[in-house]
Every structure is written in C-alpha cells, then in structure tokens.
Amino acid sequence: MENHQEELKAHLMATSEEFRALAAQHSQLHKQLEELEGKSHLTNEEQVEEVRLKKQKLRVKDQMNALIARSRTQQVA
C-alpha cells in the first residue's frame, strides 16, 4: 500500500504542476520550521511564527493528500 502511495506521488510530481508547486511549498515551510526549531530559545514573535508555519504546512499537506486521493480514485474508475 505504501509503495502504491509513493508511486502516486512520483506520478503526480511528473505530471501535475499543482502537486509540484505544493510539494515545493511544503519543502520550503519545512526548512523554515527547521531553522526556528534549531534555535535554543524563541521570542514570542518566533513562537507565533512557528505555529503559523506549522498550520500552513499542514494545510499544504492536506491539499497534497487530496490530490493523491483524487488520482487514486481516477485510477480505479
């Protein structure tokens, strides 16, 4: 099952501009979060930014998963 999921992701990366854009955005958000999490202490503003980035990253991941689910449905149909 997981292998099929990875195949779908690879297919979408190759064929869907929307999926590629979402994947790039997700990667960028991940990098920004890593930078914040690498600090020993976060200011109040940085803590707010961390929460905002996590929520945004989750929304992007949900959009990616929706595209994967739609692709899976189209393959079955």
Protein backbone atom coordinates (compact mmCIF):
# COMPACT_ATOMS: atom_id res chain seq x y z
CA MET A 1 0.00 0.00 0.00
CA GLU A 2 2.73 2.47 0.94
CA ASN A 3 4.61 1.59 -2.24
CA HIS A 4 1.49 2.43 -4.25
CA GLN A 5 1.25 5.77 -2.39
CA GLU A 6 4.87 6.55 -3.33
CA GLU A 7 4.16 5.63 -6.95
CA LEU A 8 1.19 8.01 -6.97
CA LYS A 9 3.35 10.80 -5.52
CA ALA A 10 6.03 10.20 -8.16
CA HIS A 11 3.40 10.18 -10.91
CA LEU A 12 1.91 13.44 -9.65
CA MET A 13 5.36 15.04 -9.35
CA ALA A 14 5.92 14.16 -13.01
CA THR A 15 2.50 15.15 -14.33
CA SER A 16 0.90 17.76 -12.06
CA GLU A 17 2.16 21.32 -11.86
CA GLU A 18 -0.19 21.91 -8.91
CA PHE A 19 1.28 18.97 -6.97
CA ARG A 20 4.86 20.08 -7.74
CA ALA A 21 4.07 23.60 -6.51
CA LEU A 22 2.52 22.25 -3.32
CA ALA A 23 5.50 19.93 -2.74
CA ALA A 24 7.92 22.84 -3.19
CA GLN A 25 5.90 24.99 -0.79
CA HIS A 26 5.78 22.14 1.75
CA SER A 27 9.55 21.72 1.50
CA GLN A 28 10.14 25.45 1.97
CA LEU A 29 7.89 25.54 5.04
CA HIS A 30 9.75 22.52 6.44
CA LYS A 31 13.07 24.33 6.03
CA GLN A 32 11.72 27.46 7.72
CA LEU A 33 10.46 25.39 10.64
CA GLU A 34 13.79 23.59 10.96
CA GLU A 35 15.54 26.96 11.22
CA LEU A 36 13.21 28.09 14.00
CA GLU A 37 13.38 24.77 15.83
CA GLY A 38 17.17 24.91 15.70
CA LYS A 39 17.22 27.95 17.95
CA SER A 40 17.73 27.37 21.66
CA HIS A 41 15.15 30.00 22.58
CA LEU A 42 12.32 31.52 20.58
CA THR A 43 10.99 35.02 21.07
CA ASN A 44 7.24 35.49 21.35
CA GLU A 45 7.13 36.55 17.71
CA GLU A 46 9.10 33.48 16.65
CA GLN A 47 6.75 31.23 18.62
CA VAL A 48 3.76 32.77 16.83
CA GLU A 49 5.56 32.35 13.51
CA GLU A 50 6.31 28.70 14.32
CA VAL A 51 2.62 27.98 14.95
CA ARG A 52 1.64 29.83 11.75
CA LEU A 53 4.17 27.87 9.70
CA LYS A 54 3.05 24.54 11.17
CA LYS A 55 -0.58 25.29 10.33
CA GLN A 56 0.30 26.40 6.81
CA LYS A 57 2.46 23.30 6.28
CA LEU A 58 -0.41 21.09 7.43
CA ARG A 59 -2.85 22.81 5.03
CA VAL A 60 -0.43 22.24 2.15
CA LYS A 61 -0.01 18.59 3.14
CA ASP A 62 -3.80 18.20 3.23
CA GLN A 63 -4.01 19.66 -0.29
CA MET A 64 -1.34 17.24 -1.49
CA ASN A 65 -3.18 14.31 0.08
CA ALA A 66 -6.42 15.43 -1.60
CA LEU A 67 -4.67 15.37 -4.98
CA ILE A 68 -3.30 11.89 -4.21
CA ALA A 69 -6.77 10.67 -3.22
CA ARG A 70 -8.27 12.17 -6.40
CA SER A 71 -5.58 10.50 -8.50
CA ARG A 72 -6.20 7.18 -6.76
CA THR A 73 -9.95 7.48 -7.46
CA GLN A 74 -9.33 8.27 -11.12
CA GLN A 75 -7.07 5.24 -11.50
CA VAL A 76 -9.73 2.95 -10.04
CA ALA A 77 -12.53 4.39 -12.20
